[in-house]
Amino acid sequence: MICPKCKVGDAHRSHRSGLMEKMASIVAIYPYRCHKCNFRFLKFRYATTEVAVEGPIPHASTQREIRATRSAIEWKRKRRELLMYGAGVVLFAAFLYFITRERGPSSDGN
C-alpha cells in the first residue's frame, strides 16, 4: 500500500480503534499506517493499488509465479469455505433427521 502523504509503498494494515473505524470496516474500509512517516489513513480494501517503482520491474516469469501463488491461495480459501458450508449443511440435515424421525412404539406397551 502506498502512503498518500510520503508516497512510499511501506504502509500496512493497522488495528481498528474507535467506533468510526469499526463502522467503516463493515463496508471494507480499513485503517493503514505508514512505516516511514507514521501517517494513519483509511482506504477501501479492494481498491486498485498503485505500484511504487523503486527498483527494476520484475520479469514476466516472476509475475507469472506471483499470479500463480495468488490464485493458489484464493483456491485454498474457496475450498476451505466450501468444506465449512458443506459440513454445516450436513450437520443441519442430520439434526433435522433426528428431530423429525418417527419413533416406533415404546417397549412399555403403551
PDB file of N, CA and C in Angstrom:
ATOM      1  N   MET A   1       0.857  -1.175   0.000  1.00  0.00           N
ATOM      2  CA  MET A   1       0.000   0.000   0.000  1.00  0.00           C
ATOM      3  C   MET A   1       0.898   1.231   0.000  1.00  0.00           C
ATOM      4  N   ILE A   2       0.534   2.202  -0.770  1.00  0.00           N
ATOM      5  CA  ILE A   2       1.326   3.427  -0.883  1.00  0.00           C
ATOM      6  C   ILE A   2       0.738   4.495   0.035  1.00  0.00           C
ATOM      7  N   CYS A   3       1.595   5.123   0.800  1.00  0.00           N
ATOM      8  CA  CYS A   3       1.181   6.181   1.725  1.00  0.00           C
ATOM      9  C   CYS A   3       0.812   7.435   0.930  1.00  0.00           C
ATOM     10  N   PRO A   4      -0.360   8.037   1.177  1.00  0.00           N
ATOM     11  CA  PRO A   4      -0.746   9.243   0.440  1.00  0.00           C
ATOM     12  C   PRO A   4       0.062  10.474   0.856  1.00  0.00           C
ATOM     13  N   LYS A   5       0.726  10.421   1.993  1.00  0.00           N
ATOM     14  CA  LYS A   5       1.484  11.574   2.465  1.00  0.00           C
ATOM     15  C   LYS A   5       2.908  11.592   1.903  1.00  0.00           C
ATOM     16  N   CYS A   6       3.650  10.495   2.114  1.00  0.00           N
ATOM     17  CA  CYS A   6       5.055  10.488   1.689  1.00  0.00           C
ATOM     18  C   CYS A   6       5.281   9.712   0.393  1.00  0.00           C
ATOM     19  N   LYS A   7       4.243   9.105  -0.161  1.00  0.00           N
ATOM     20  CA  LYS A   7       4.277   8.384  -1.441  1.00  0.00           C
ATOM     21  C   LYS A   7       5.285   7.237  -1.464  1.00  0.00           C
ATOM     22  N   VAL A   8       5.456   6.560  -0.331  1.00  0.00           N
ATOM     23  CA  VAL A   8       6.333   5.395  -0.243  1.00  0.00           C
ATOM     24  C   VAL A   8       5.459   4.166  -0.043  1.00  0.00           C
ATOM     25  N   GLY A   9       5.792   3.082  -0.696  1.00  0.00           N
ATOM     26  CA  GLY A   9       4.992   1.864  -0.606  1.00  0.00           C
ATOM     27  C   GLY A   9       5.327   1.051   0.636  1.00  0.00           C
ATOM     28  N   ASP A  10       5.196   1.650   1.801  1.00  0.00           N
ATOM     29  CA  ASP A  10       5.583   0.985   3.042  1.00  0.00           C
ATOM     30  C   ASP A  10       4.478   1.048   4.083  1.00  0.00           C
ATOM     31  N   ALA A  11       3.211   1.092   3.651  1.00  0.00           N
ATOM     32  CA  ALA A  11       2.087   1.155   4.586  1.00  0.00           C
ATOM     33  C   ALA A  11       1.538  -0.243   4.818  1.00  0.00           C
ATOM     34  N   HIS A  12       1.023  -0.482   6.010  1.00  0.00           N
ATOM     35  CA  HIS A  12       0.470  -1.782   6.371  1.00  0.00           C
ATOM     36  C   HIS A  12      -0.864  -1.594   7.069  1.00  0.00           C
ATOM     37  N   ARG A  13      -1.655  -2.686   7.120  1.00  0.00           N
ATOM     38  CA  ARG A  13      -2.940  -2.629   7.824  1.00  0.00           C
ATOM     39  C   ARG A  13      -2.695  -2.366   9.288  1.00  0.00           C
ATOM     40  N   SER A  14      -3.513  -1.530   9.874  1.00  0.00           N
ATOM     41  CA  SER A  14      -3.394  -1.178  11.277  1.00  0.00           C
ATOM     42  C   SER A  14      -4.625  -1.673  12.022  1.00  0.00           C
ATOM     43  N   HIS A  15      -4.532  -1.731  13.336  1.00  0.00           N
ATOM     44  CA  HIS A  15      -5.673  -2.135  14.146  1.00  0.00           C
ATOM     45  C   HIS A  15      -6.739  -1.047  14.115  1.00  0.00           C
ATOM     46  N   ARG A  16      -7.999  -1.470  14.180  1.00  0.00           N
ATOM     47  CA  ARG A  16      -9.096  -0.502  14.219  1.00  0.00           C
ATOM     48  C   ARG A  16      -9.185   0.062  15.628  1.00  0.00           C
ATOM     49  N   SER A  17      -9.386   1.350  15.704  1.00  0.00           N
ATOM     50  CA  SER A  17      -9.590   1.976  17.009  1.00  0.00           C
ATOM     51  C   SER A  17     -10.728   2.980  16.880  1.00  0.00           C
ATOM     52  N   GLY A  18     -11.652   2.909  17.789  1.00  0.00           N
ATOM     53  CA  GLY A  18     -12.772   3.837  17.761  1.00  0.00           C
ATOM     54  C   GLY A  18     -13.952   3.304  16.982  1.00  0.00           C
ATOM     55  N   LEU A  19     -15.080   3.875  17.280  1.00  0.00           N
ATOM     56  CA  LEU A  19     -16.334   3.443  16.668  1.00  0.00           C
ATOM     57  C   LEU A  19     -16.364   3.727  15.168  1.00  0.00           C
ATOM     58  N   MET A  20     -15.823   4.867  14.748  1.00  0.00           N
ATOM     59  CA  MET A  20     -15.861   5.247  13.338  1.00  0.00           C
ATOM     60  C   MET A  20     -15.106   4.230  12.467  1.00  0.00           C
ATOM     61  N   GLU A  21     -13.929   3.794  12.899  1.00  0.00           N
ATOM     62  CA  GLU A  21     -13.164   2.833  12.116  1.00  0.00           C
ATOM     63  C   GLU A  21     -13.823   1.463  12.125  1.00  0.00           C
ATOM     64  N   LYS A  22     -14.449   1.088  13.220  1.00  0.00           N
ATOM     65  CA  LYS A  22     -15.141  -0.197  13.279  1.00  0.00           C
ATOM     66  C   LYS A  22     -16.365  -0.187  12.373  1.00  0.00           C
ATOM     67  N   MET A  23     -17.080   0.933  12.329  1.00  0.00           N
ATOM     68  CA  MET A  23     -18.235   1.043  11.435  1.00  0.00           C
ATOM     69  C   MET A  23     -17.779   1.068   9.971  1.00  0.00           C
ATOM     70  N   ALA A  24     -16.660   1.726   9.684  1.00  0.00           N
ATOM     71  CA  ALA A  24     -16.156   1.789   8.312  1.00  0.00           C
ATOM     72  C   ALA A  24     -15.706   0.420   7.830  1.00  0.00           C
ATOM     73  N   SER A  25     -15.238  -0.427   8.741  1.00  0.00           N
ATOM     74  CA  SER A  25     -14.770  -1.754   8.330  1.00  0.00           C
ATOM     75  C   SER A  25     -15.914  -2.646   7.854  1.00  0.00           C
ATOM     76  N   ILE A  26     -17.138  -2.297   8.192  1.00  0.00           N
ATOM     77  CA  ILE A  26     -18.297  -3.063   7.712  1.00  0.00           C
ATOM     78  C   ILE A  26     -18.386  -2.983   6.194  1.00  0.00           C
ATOM     79  N   VAL A  27     -18.007  -1.849   5.629  1.00  0.00           N
ATOM     80  CA  VAL A  27     -18.045  -1.670   4.179  1.00  0.00           C
ATOM     81  C   VAL A  27     -16.646  -1.768   3.573  1.00  0.00           C
ATOM     82  N   ALA A  28     -15.738  -2.495   4.237  1.00  0.00           N
ATOM     83  CA  ALA A  28     -14.392  -2.813   3.740  1.00  0.00           C
ATOM     84  C   ALA A  28     -13.492  -1.593   3.610  1.00  0.00           C
ATOM     85  N   ILE A  29     -13.653  -0.630   4.498  1.00  0.00           N
ATOM     86  CA  ILE A  29     -12.720   0.496   4.563  1.00  0.00           C
ATOM     87  C   ILE A  29     -11.910   0.308   5.835  1.00  0.00           C
ATOM     88  N   TYR A  30     -10.604   0.073   5.663  1.00  0.00           N
ATOM     89  CA  TYR A  30      -9.758  -0.291   6.789  1.00  0.00           C
ATOM     90  C   TYR A  30      -8.656   0.744   7.024  1.00  0.00           C
ATOM     91  N   PRO A  31      -8.177   0.835   8.265  1.00  0.00           N
ATOM     92  CA  PRO A  31      -7.094   1.775   8.563  1.00  0.00           C
ATOM     93  C   PRO A  31      -5.730   1.190   8.170  1.00  0.00           C
ATOM     94  N   TYR A  32      -4.859   2.054   7.685  1.00  0.00           N
ATOM     95  CA  TYR A  32      -3.488   1.704   7.337  1.00  0.00           C
ATOM     96  C   TYR A  32      -2.560   2.702   8.017  1.00  0.00           C
ATOM     97  N   ARG A  33      -1.316   2.285   8.245  1.00  0.00           N
ATOM     98  CA  ARG A  33      -0.311   3.164   8.828  1.00  0.00           C
ATOM     99  C   ARG A  33       0.987   2.991   8.052  1.00  0.00           C
ATOM    100  N   CYS A  34       1.630   4.125   7.759  1.00  0.00           N
ATOM    101  CA  CYS A  34       2.895   4.122   7.033  1.00  0.00           C
ATOM    102  C   CYS A  34       4.046   3.871   8.010  1.00  0.00           C
ATOM    103  N   HIS A  35       4.952   2.963   7.649  1.00  0.00           N
ATOM    104  CA  HIS A  35       6.115   2.693   8.494  1.00  0.00           C
ATOM    105  C   HIS A  35       7.076   3.880   8.502  1.00  0.00           C
ATOM    106  N   LYS A  36       7.170   4.563   7.393  1.00  0.00           N
ATOM    107  CA  LYS A  36       8.173   5.621   7.252  1.00  0.00           C
ATOM    108  C   LYS A  36       7.778   6.914   7.976  1.00  0.00           C
ATOM    109  N   CYS A  37       6.584   7.424   7.704  1.00  0.00           N
ATOM    110  CA  CYS A  37       6.186   8.714   8.281  1.00  0.00           C
ATOM    111  C   CYS A  37       5.159   8.578   9.398  1.00  0.00           C
ATOM    112  N   ASN A  38       4.711   7.339   9.678  1.00  0.00           N
ATOM    113  CA  ASN A  38       3.752   7.050  10.752  1.00  0.00           C
ATOM    114  C   ASN A  38       2.383   7.694  10.516  1.00  0.00           C
ATOM    115  N   PHE A  39       2.059   7.998   9.270  1.00  0.00           N
ATOM    116  CA  PHE A  39       0.770   8.592   8.911  1.00  0.00           C
ATOM    117  C   PHE A  39      -0.289   7.509   8.890  1.00  0.00           C
ATOM    118  N   ARG A  40      -1.439   7.789   9.473  1.00  0.00           N
ATOM    119  CA  ARG A  40      -2.547   6.832   9.540  1.00  0.00           C
ATOM    120  C   ARG A  40      -3.655   7.315   8.612  1.00  0.00           C
ATOM    121  N   PHE A  41      -4.191   6.388   7.777  1.00  0.00           N
ATOM    122  CA  PHE A  41      -5.234   6.766   6.820  1.00  0.00           C
ATOM    123  C   PHE A  41      -6.166   5.589   6.592  1.00  0.00           C
ATOM    124  N   LEU A  42      -7.352   5.887   6.065  1.00  0.00           N
ATOM    125  CA  LEU A  42      -8.352   4.869   5.742  1.00  0.00           C
ATOM    126  C   LEU A  42      -8.338   4.638   4.241  1.00  0.00           C
ATOM    127  N   LYS A  43      -8.523   3.381   3.839  1.00  0.00           N
ATOM    128  CA  LYS A  43      -8.504   3.049   2.415  1.00  0.00           C
ATOM    129  C   LYS A  43      -9.452   1.882   2.178  1.00  0.00           C
ATOM    130  N   PHE A  44     -10.156   1.903   1.049  1.00  0.00           N
ATOM    131  CA  PHE A  44     -11.029   0.807   0.656  1.00  0.00           C
ATOM    132  C   PHE A  44     -10.168  -0.419   0.377  1.00  0.00           C
ATOM    133  N   ARG A  45     -10.528  -1.544   0.961  1.00  0.00           N
ATOM    134  CA  ARG A  45      -9.689  -2.736   0.898  1.00  0.00           C
ATOM    135  C   ARG A  45      -9.504  -3.256  -0.518  1.00  0.00           C
ATOM    136  N   TYR A  46     -10.534  -3.194  -1.339  1.00  0.00           N
ATOM    137  CA  TYR A  46     -10.473  -3.777  -2.669  1.00  0.00           C
ATOM    138  C   TYR A  46     -10.146  -2.757  -3.753  1.00  0.00           C
ATOM    139  N   ALA A  47      -9.649  -1.598  -3.352  1.00  0.00           N
ATOM    140  CA  ALA A  47      -9.271  -0.581  -4.327  1.00  0.00           C
ATOM    141  C   ALA A  47      -8.022  -1.039  -5.069  1.00  0.00           C
ATOM    142  N   THR A  48      -7.899  -0.600  -6.305  1.00  0.00           N
ATOM    143  CA  THR A  48      -6.689  -0.933  -7.045  1.00  0.00           C
ATOM    144  C   THR A  48      -5.518  -0.219  -6.397  1.00  0.00           C
ATOM    145  N   THR A  49      -4.424  -0.919  -6.267  1.00  0.00           N
ATOM    146  CA  THR A  49      -3.260  -0.338  -5.597  1.00  0.00           C
ATOM    147  C   THR A  49      -2.284   0.181  -6.629  1.00  0.00           C
ATOM    148  N   GLU A  50      -1.725   1.324  -6.335  1.00  0.00           N
ATOM    149  CA  GLU A  50      -0.686   1.867  -7.185  1.00  0.00           C
ATOM    150  C   GLU A  50       0.603   1.148  -6.826  1.00  0.00           C
ATOM    151  N   VAL A  51       1.495   1.043  -7.796  1.00  0.00           N
ATOM    152  CA  VAL A  51       2.753   0.359  -7.569  1.00  0.00           C
ATOM    153  C   VAL A  51       3.853   1.395  -7.433  1.00  0.00           C
ATOM    154  N   ALA A  52       4.571   1.329  -6.320  1.00  0.00           N
ATOM    155  CA  ALA A  52       5.702   2.228  -6.119  1.00  0.00           C
ATOM    156  C   ALA A  52       6.906   1.620  -6.811  1.00  0.00           C
ATOM    157  N   VAL A  53       7.402   2.282  -7.818  1.00  0.00           N
ATOM    158  CA  VAL A  53       8.537   1.760  -8.568  1.00  0.00           C
ATOM    159  C   VAL A  53       9.799   2.291  -7.927  1.00  0.00           C
ATOM    160  N   GLU A  54      10.476   1.410  -7.188  1.00  0.00           N
ATOM    161  CA  GLU A  54      11.726   1.796  -6.538  1.00  0.00           C
ATOM    162  C   GLU A  54      12.908   1.076  -7.162  1.00  0.00           C
ATOM    163  N   GLY A  55      12.632  -0.027  -7.793  1.00  0.00           N
ATOM    164  CA  GLY A  55      13.705  -0.821  -8.380  1.00  0.00           C
ATOM    165  C   GLY A  55      13.315  -1.251  -9.770  1.00  0.00           C
ATOM    166  N   PRO A  56      14.017  -2.241 -10.297  1.00  0.00           N
ATOM    167  CA  PRO A  56      13.691  -2.720 -11.640  1.00  0.00           C
ATOM    168  C   PRO A  56      12.342  -3.430 -11.663  1.00  0.00           C
ATOM    169  N   ILE A  57      11.702  -3.411 -12.808  1.00  0.00           N
ATOM    170  CA  ILE A  57      10.418  -4.068 -12.987  1.00  0.00           C
ATOM    171  C   ILE A  57      10.657  -5.576 -12.998  1.00  0.00           C
ATOM    172  N   PRO A  58       9.844  -6.354 -12.255  1.00  0.00           N
ATOM    173  CA  PRO A  58      10.065  -7.800 -12.212  1.00  0.00           C
ATOM    174  C   PRO A  58       9.868  -8.451 -13.574  1.00  0.00           C
ATOM    175  N   HIS A  59      10.548  -9.567 -13.784  1.00  0.00           N
ATOM    176  CA  HIS A  59      10.456 -10.301 -15.040  1.00  0.00           C
ATOM    177  C   HIS A  59       9.087 -10.936 -15.180  1.00  0.00           C
ATOM    178  N   ALA A  60       8.774 -11.330 -16.405  1.00  0.00           N
ATOM    179  CA  ALA A  60       7.476 -11.947 -16.668  1.00  0.00           C
ATOM    180  C   ALA A  60       7.333 -13.261 -15.908  1.00  0.00           C
ATOM    181  N   SER A  61       8.423 -14.002 -15.764  1.00  0.00           N
ATOM    182  CA  SER A  61       8.342 -15.272 -15.039  1.00  0.00           C
ATOM    183  C   SER A  61       8.019 -15.035 -13.567  1.00  0.00           C
ATOM    184  N   THR A  62       8.563 -13.977 -12.995  1.00  0.00           N
ATOM    185  CA  THR A  62       8.267 -13.634 -11.605  1.00  0.00           C
ATOM    186  C   THR A  62       6.812 -13.223 -11.465  1.00  0.00           C
ATOM    187  N   GLN A  63       6.316 -12.470 -12.427  1.00  0.00           N
ATOM    188  CA  GLN A  63       4.923 -12.058 -12.391  1.00  0.00           C
ATOM    189  C   GLN A  63       3.995 -13.266 -12.524  1.00  0.00           C
ATOM    190  N   ARG A  64       4.364 -14.225 -13.383  1.00  0.00           N
ATOM    191  CA  ARG A  64       3.568 -15.450 -13.505  1.00  0.00           C
ATOM    192  C   ARG A  64       3.563 -16.231 -12.204  1.00  0.00           C
ATOM    193  N   GLU A  65       4.711 -16.304 -11.554  1.00  0.00           N
ATOM    194  CA  GLU A  65       4.807 -17.026 -10.286  1.00  0.00           C
ATOM    195  C   GLU A  65       3.957 -16.357  -9.213  1.00  0.00           C
ATOM    196  N   ILE A  66       3.986 -15.035  -9.169  1.00  0.00           N
ATOM    197  CA  ILE A  66       3.167 -14.297  -8.202  1.00  0.00           C
ATOM    198  C   ILE A  66       1.696 -14.540  -8.472  1.00  0.00           C
ATOM    199  N   ARG A  67       1.301 -14.471  -9.745  1.00  0.00           N
ATOM    200  CA  ARG A  67      -0.092 -14.701 -10.108  1.00  0.00           C
ATOM    201  C   ARG A  67      -0.525 -16.119  -9.751  1.00  0.00           C
ATOM    202  N   ALA A  68       0.344 -17.097 -10.006  1.00  0.00           N
ATOM    203  CA  ALA A  68       0.020 -18.491  -9.686  1.00  0.00           C
ATOM    204  C   ALA A  68      -0.114 -18.685  -8.177  1.00  0.00           C
ATOM    205  N   THR A  69       0.762 -18.052  -7.417  1.00  0.00           N
ATOM    206  CA  THR A  69       0.690 -18.165  -5.964  1.00  0.00           C
ATOM    207  C   THR A  69      -0.594 -17.548  -5.438  1.00  0.00           C
ATOM    208  N   ARG A  70      -0.959 -16.380  -5.948  1.00  0.00           N
ATOM    209  CA  ARG A  70      -2.193 -15.732  -5.513  1.00  0.00           C
ATOM    210  C   ARG A  70      -3.418 -16.570  -5.861  1.00  0.00           C
ATOM    211  N   SER A  71      -3.428 -17.155  -7.045  1.00  0.00           N
ATOM    212  CA  SER A  71      -4.590 -17.964  -7.420  1.00  0.00           C
ATOM    213  C   SER A  71      -4.640 -19.247  -6.588  1.00  0.00           C
ATOM    214  N   ALA A  72      -3.483 -19.804  -6.226  1.00  0.00           N
ATOM    215  CA  ALA A  72      -3.473 -20.994  -5.368  1.00  0.00           C
ATOM    216  C   ALA A  72      -4.000 -20.656  -3.978  1.00  0.00           C
ATOM    217  N   ILE A  73      -3.606 -19.517  -3.452  1.00  0.00           N
ATOM    218  CA  ILE A  73      -4.096 -19.096  -2.142  1.00  0.00           C
ATOM    219  C   ILE A  73      -5.596 -18.863  -2.191  1.00  0.00           C
ATOM    220  N   GLU A  74      -6.073 -18.224  -3.259  1.00  0.00           N
ATOM    221  CA  GLU A  74      -7.506 -17.970  -3.403  1.00  0.00           C
ATOM    222  C   GLU A  74      -8.283 -19.282  -3.516  1.00  0.00           C
ATOM    223  N   TRP A  75      -7.742 -20.262  -4.256  1.00  0.00           N
ATOM    224  CA  TRP A  75      -8.412 -21.552  -4.384  1.00  0.00           C
ATOM    225  C   TRP A  75      -8.479 -22.259  -3.033  1.00  0.00           C
ATOM    226  N   LYS A  76      -7.398 -22.212  -2.256  1.00  0.00           N
ATOM    227  CA  LYS A  76      -7.403 -22.835  -0.932  1.00  0.00           C
ATOM    228  C   LYS A  76      -8.457 -22.198  -0.035  1.00  0.00           C
ATOM    229  N   ARG A  77      -8.596 -20.877  -0.102  1.00  0.00           N
ATOM    230  CA  ARG A  77      -9.599 -20.183   0.696  1.00  0.00           C
ATOM    231  C   ARG A  77     -11.006 -20.601   0.273  1.00  0.00           C
ATOM    232  N   LYS A  78     -11.254 -20.657  -1.034  1.00  0.00           N
ATOM    233  CA  LYS A  78     -12.572 -21.058  -1.523  1.00  0.00           C
ATOM    234  C   LYS A  78     -12.877 -22.502  -1.154  1.00  0.00           C
ATOM    235  N   ARG A  79     -11.881 -23.374  -1.261  1.00  0.00           N
ATOM    236  CA  ARG A  79     -12.082 -24.775  -0.907  1.00  0.00           C
ATOM    237  C   ARG A  79     -12.416 -24.923   0.575  1.00  0.00           C
ATOM    238  N   ARG A  80     -11.718 -24.181   1.429  1.00  0.00           N
ATOM    239  CA  ARG A  80     -11.987 -24.219   2.866  1.00  0.00           C
ATOM    240  C   ARG A  80     -13.397 -23.730   3.158  1.00  0.00           C
ATOM    241  N   GLU A  81     -13.819 -22.652   2.489  1.00  0.00           N
ATOM    242  CA  GLU A  81     -15.177 -22.142   2.692  1.00  0.00           C
ATOM    243  C   GLU A  81     -16.222 -23.162   2.240  1.00  0.00           C
ATOM    244  N   LEU A  82     -16.003 -23.793   1.092  1.00  0.00           N
ATOM    245  CA  LEU A  82     -16.952 -24.795   0.614  1.00  0.00           C
ATOM    246  C   LEU A  82     -17.045 -25.972   1.572  1.00  0.00           C
ATOM    247  N   LEU A  83     -15.911 -26.423   2.092  1.00  0.00           N
ATOM    248  CA  LEU A  83     -15.930 -27.524   3.050  1.00  0.00           C
ATOM    249  C   LEU A  83     -16.674 -27.141   4.324  1.00  0.00           C
ATOM    250  N   MET A  84     -16.465 -25.924   4.793  1.00  0.00           N
ATOM    251  CA  MET A  84     -17.152 -25.482   6.006  1.00  0.00           C
ATOM    252  C   MET A  84     -18.663 -25.389   5.773  1.00  0.00           C
ATOM    253  N   TYR A  85     -19.075 -24.805   4.643  1.00  0.00           N
ATOM    254  CA  TYR A  85     -20.505 -24.714   4.347  1.00  0.00           C
ATOM    255  C   TYR A  85     -21.102 -26.100   4.148  1.00  0.00           C
ATOM    256  N   GLY A  86     -20.392 -26.977   3.465  1.00  0.00           N
ATOM    257  CA  GLY A  86     -20.874 -28.337   3.254  1.00  0.00           C
ATOM    258  C   GLY A  86     -21.047 -29.085   4.566  1.00  0.00           C
ATOM    259  N   ALA A  87     -20.068 -28.945   5.463  1.00  0.00           N
ATOM    260  CA  ALA A  87     -20.175 -29.598   6.770  1.00  0.00           C
ATOM    261  C   ALA A  87     -21.358 -29.036   7.551  1.00  0.00           C
ATOM    262  N   GLY A  88     -21.592 -27.747   7.450  1.00  0.00           N
ATOM    263  CA  GLY A  88     -22.740 -27.135   8.124  1.00  0.00           C
ATOM    264  C   GLY A  88     -24.057 -27.660   7.594  1.00  0.00           C
ATOM    265  N   VAL A  89     -24.152 -27.808   6.276  1.00  0.00           N
ATOM    266  CA  VAL A  89     -25.387 -28.326   5.676  1.00  0.00           C
ATOM    267  C   VAL A  89     -25.615 -29.772   6.101  1.00  0.00           C
ATOM    268  N   VAL A  90     -24.560 -30.586   6.124  1.00  0.00           N
ATOM    269  CA  VAL A  90     -24.696 -31.991   6.529  1.00  0.00           C
ATOM    270  C   VAL A  90     -25.131 -32.076   7.989  1.00  0.00           C
ATOM    271  N   LEU A  91     -24.519 -31.276   8.852  1.00  0.00           N
ATOM    272  CA  LEU A  91     -24.909 -31.289  10.264  1.00  0.00           C
ATOM    273  C   LEU A  91     -26.356 -30.824  10.453  1.00  0.00           C
ATOM    274  N   PHE A  92     -26.766 -29.816   9.699  1.00  0.00           N
ATOM    275  CA  PHE A  92     -28.138 -29.333   9.777  1.00  0.00           C
ATOM    276  C   PHE A  92     -29.116 -30.407   9.309  1.00  0.00           C
ATOM    277  N   ALA A  93     -28.771 -31.094   8.216  1.00  0.00           N
ATOM    278  CA  ALA A  93     -29.634 -32.160   7.710  1.00  0.00           C
ATOM    279  C   ALA A  93     -29.727 -33.306   8.727  1.00  0.00           C
ATOM    280  N   ALA A  94     -28.613 -33.653   9.362  1.00  0.00           N
ATOM    281  CA  ALA A  94     -28.633 -34.709  10.375  1.00  0.00           C
ATOM    282  C   ALA A  94     -29.495 -34.294  11.562  1.00  0.00           C
ATOM    283  N   PHE A  95     -29.385 -33.040  11.968  1.00  0.00           N
ATOM    284  CA  PHE A  95     -30.200 -32.521  13.064  1.00  0.00           C
ATOM    285  C   PHE A  95     -31.687 -32.610  12.713  1.00  0.00           C
ATOM    286  N   LEU A  96     -32.037 -32.174  11.507  1.00  0.00           N
ATOM    287  CA  LEU A  96     -33.444 -32.256  11.072  1.00  0.00           C
ATOM    288  C   LEU A  96     -33.927 -33.693  11.026  1.00  0.00           C
ATOM    289  N   TYR A  97     -33.088 -34.599  10.576  1.00  0.00           N
ATOM    290  CA  TYR A  97     -33.472 -36.009  10.510  1.00  0.00           C
ATOM    291  C   TYR A  97     -33.797 -36.536  11.908  1.00  0.00           C
ATOM    292  N   PHE A  98     -32.952 -36.255  12.868  1.00  0.00           N
ATOM    293  CA  PHE A  98     -33.154 -36.798  14.211  1.00  0.00           C
ATOM    294  C   PHE A  98     -34.336 -36.172  14.943  1.00  0.00           C
ATOM    295  N   ILE A  99     -34.671 -34.937  14.645  1.00  0.00           N
ATOM    296  CA  ILE A  99     -35.814 -34.344  15.342  1.00  0.00           C
ATOM    297  C   ILE A  99     -37.140 -34.639  14.650  1.00  0.00           C
ATOM    298  N   THR A 100     -37.101 -35.059  13.380  1.00  0.00           N
ATOM    299  CA  THR A 100     -38.353 -35.298  12.670  1.00  0.00           C
ATOM    300  C   THR A 100     -38.631 -36.766  12.418  1.00  0.00           C
ATOM    301  N   ARG A 101     -37.720 -37.655  12.779  1.00  0.00           N
ATOM    302  CA  ARG A 101     -37.954 -39.074  12.504  1.00  0.00           C
ATOM    303  C   ARG A 101     -39.090 -39.602  13.376  1.00  0.00           C
ATOM    304  N   GLU A 102     -39.757 -40.569  12.829  1.00  0.00           N
ATOM    305  CA  GLU A 102     -40.887 -41.150  13.533  1.00  0.00           C
ATOM    306  C   GLU A 102     -40.371 -42.276  14.420  1.00  0.00           C
ATOM    307  N   ARG A 103     -40.731 -42.201  15.640  1.00  0.00           N
ATOM    308  CA  ARG A 103     -40.275 -43.218  16.590  1.00  0.00           C
ATOM    309  C   ARG A 103     -41.299 -44.345  16.643  1.00  0.00           C
ATOM    310  N   GLY A 104     -40.800 -45.561  16.816  1.00  0.00           N
ATOM    311  CA  GLY A 104     -41.682 -46.726  16.882  1.00  0.00           C
ATOM    312  C   GLY A 104     -42.396 -46.790  18.218  1.00  0.00           C
ATOM    313  N   PRO A 105     -43.251 -47.792  18.398  1.00  0.00           N
ATOM    314  CA  PRO A 105     -43.983 -47.916  19.668  1.00  0.00           C
ATOM    315  C   PRO A 105     -43.002 -48.165  20.807  1.00  0.00           C
ATOM    316  N   SER A 106     -43.362 -47.672  21.968  1.00  0.00           N
ATOM    317  CA  SER A 106     -42.475 -47.831  23.111  1.00  0.00           C
ATOM    318  C   SER A 106     -42.530 -49.260  23.610  1.00  0.00           C
ATOM    319  N   SER A 107     -41.518 -49.685  24.316  1.00  0.00           N
ATOM    320  CA  SER A 107     -41.449 -51.059  24.815  1.00  0.00           C
ATOM    321  C   SER A 107     -42.309 -51.255  26.066  1.00  0.00           C
ATOM    322  N   ASP A 108     -42.938 -50.174  26.580  1.00  0.00           N
ATOM    323  CA  ASP A 108     -43.807 -50.258  27.770  1.00  0.00           C
ATOM    324  C   ASP A 108     -45.132 -50.947  27.433  1.00  0.00           C
ATOM    325  N   GLY A 109     -45.475 -50.930  26.200  1.00  0.00           N
ATOM    326  CA  GLY A 109     -46.759 -51.482  25.800  1.00  0.00           C
ATOM    327  C   GLY A 109     -47.801 -50.383  25.678  1.00  0.00           C
ATOM    328  N   ASN A 110     -47.437 -49.142  25.814  1.00  0.00           N
ATOM    329  CA  ASN A 110     -48.375 -48.017  25.687  1.00  0.00           C
ATOM    330  C   ASN A 110     -48.352 -47.456  24.328  1.00  0.00           C
TER     331      ASN A 110
END
